[in-house]
Amino acid sequence: MSKTNVEQLKSYMKSMDAKEKESFAKACSTTVGNLNQIIYVNGKCGAALAIRIDKASNGSVSCDFLCPEADFEYIREKALSA
């Protein structure tokens, strides 16, 4: 995953204070440290965490960018055709 893929997450969290970051991380079932590691070290996360981040940010941080190797469009199409 390239650095640009985590820019949404970085920008989203940049405006938060420490308490808001903790609350956001908890809503994502992770830690602020793990989110920072995604942004500054790993540059990627798994599909399940990407979806939780997308949901907790109300779509401001797209799971498609956090985990581009997952075919979320396929899942969306299957859900619509079911």
Protein backbone atom coordinates (compact mmCIF):
# COMPACT_ATOMS: atom_id res chain seq x y z
CA MET A 1 0.00 0.00 0.00
CA SER A 2 1.41 3.36 -0.89
CA LYS A 3 1.65 6.22 1.55
CA THR A 4 -1.12 8.09 -0.27
CA ASN A 5 -3.60 5.33 0.62
CA VAL A 6 -3.42 6.22 4.30
CA GLU A 7 -3.62 9.98 3.78
CA GLN A 8 -7.40 9.92 4.37
CA LEU A 9 -6.87 8.32 7.77
CA LYS A 10 -4.02 10.67 8.63
CA SER A 11 -6.06 13.74 7.67
CA TYR A 12 -9.13 12.46 9.48
CA MET A 13 -7.24 11.93 12.73
CA LYS A 14 -5.14 15.09 12.47
CA SER A 15 -7.96 17.35 13.65
CA MET A 16 -8.79 15.14 16.66
CA ASP A 17 -7.58 15.73 20.18
CA ALA A 18 -6.21 12.83 22.22
CA LYS A 19 -9.58 11.95 23.73
CA GLU A 20 -11.29 11.91 20.32
CA LYS A 21 -8.53 9.70 18.93
CA GLU A 22 -9.03 7.24 21.78
CA SER A 23 -12.77 7.21 21.18
CA PHE A 24 -12.30 6.71 17.43
CA ALA A 25 -9.81 3.88 17.99
CA LYS A 26 -12.20 2.20 20.42
CA ALA A 27 -15.01 2.47 17.84
CA CYS A 28 -12.66 0.71 15.41
CA SER A 29 -11.84 -2.01 17.99
CA THR A 30 -8.17 -1.07 17.94
CA THR A 31 -5.75 1.35 19.60
CA VAL A 32 -4.44 4.78 18.69
CA GLY A 33 -0.99 3.19 18.54
CA ASN A 34 -2.16 0.69 15.95
CA LEU A 35 -3.79 3.42 13.86
CA ASN A 36 -0.55 5.44 14.02
CA GLN A 37 1.40 2.36 12.98
CA ILE A 38 -0.88 1.98 9.96
CA ILE A 39 -0.32 5.63 9.04
CA TYR A 40 3.41 5.99 9.72
CA VAL A 41 4.93 2.50 9.59
CA ASN A 42 2.98 -0.28 7.90
CA GLY A 43 0.89 1.78 5.51
CA LYS A 44 -1.75 -0.95 5.42
CA CYS A 45 -4.31 -2.86 7.40
CA GLY A 46 -6.50 -5.89 6.95
CA ALA A 47 -9.96 -5.82 5.42
CA ALA A 48 -11.82 -6.23 8.72
CA LEU A 49 -10.08 -3.22 10.32
CA ALA A 50 -10.46 -1.19 7.12
CA ILE A 51 -14.22 -1.78 7.24
CA ARG A 52 -14.40 -0.81 10.93
CA ILE A 53 -12.46 2.40 10.21
CA ASP A 54 -14.77 3.19 7.29
CA LYS A 55 -17.84 2.64 9.50
CA ALA A 56 -16.48 4.59 12.49
CA SER A 57 -15.54 7.54 10.25
CA ASN A 58 -18.96 7.47 8.53
CA GLY A 59 -17.23 6.90 5.20
CA SER A 60 -14.73 9.74 5.54
CA VAL A 61 -11.93 7.15 5.45
CA SER A 62 -12.67 4.66 2.70
CA CYS A 63 -11.95 0.98 3.26
CA ASP A 64 -11.08 0.80 -0.44
CA PHE A 65 -7.97 2.94 0.17
CA LEU A 66 -6.92 1.31 3.43
CA CYS A 67 -7.02 -2.20 1.99
CA PRO A 68 -6.90 -1.98 -1.82
CA GLU A 69 -6.05 -5.67 -2.20
CA ALA A 70 -9.55 -6.55 -0.95
CA ASP A 71 -12.20 -6.53 -3.65
CA PHE A 72 -14.84 -4.51 -1.83
CA GLU A 73 -16.62 -3.69 -5.11
CA TYR A 74 -17.27 -7.39 -5.65
CA ILE A 75 -18.81 -7.66 -2.19
CA ARG A 76 -20.97 -4.60 -2.84
CA GLU A 77 -22.20 -6.04 -6.15
CA LYS A 78 -23.01 -9.39 -4.55
CA ALA A 79 -24.94 -7.70 -1.76
CA LEU A 80 -26.98 -5.70 -4.26
CA SER A 81 -27.80 -8.74 -6.37
CA ALA A 82 -28.87 -10.88 -3.40
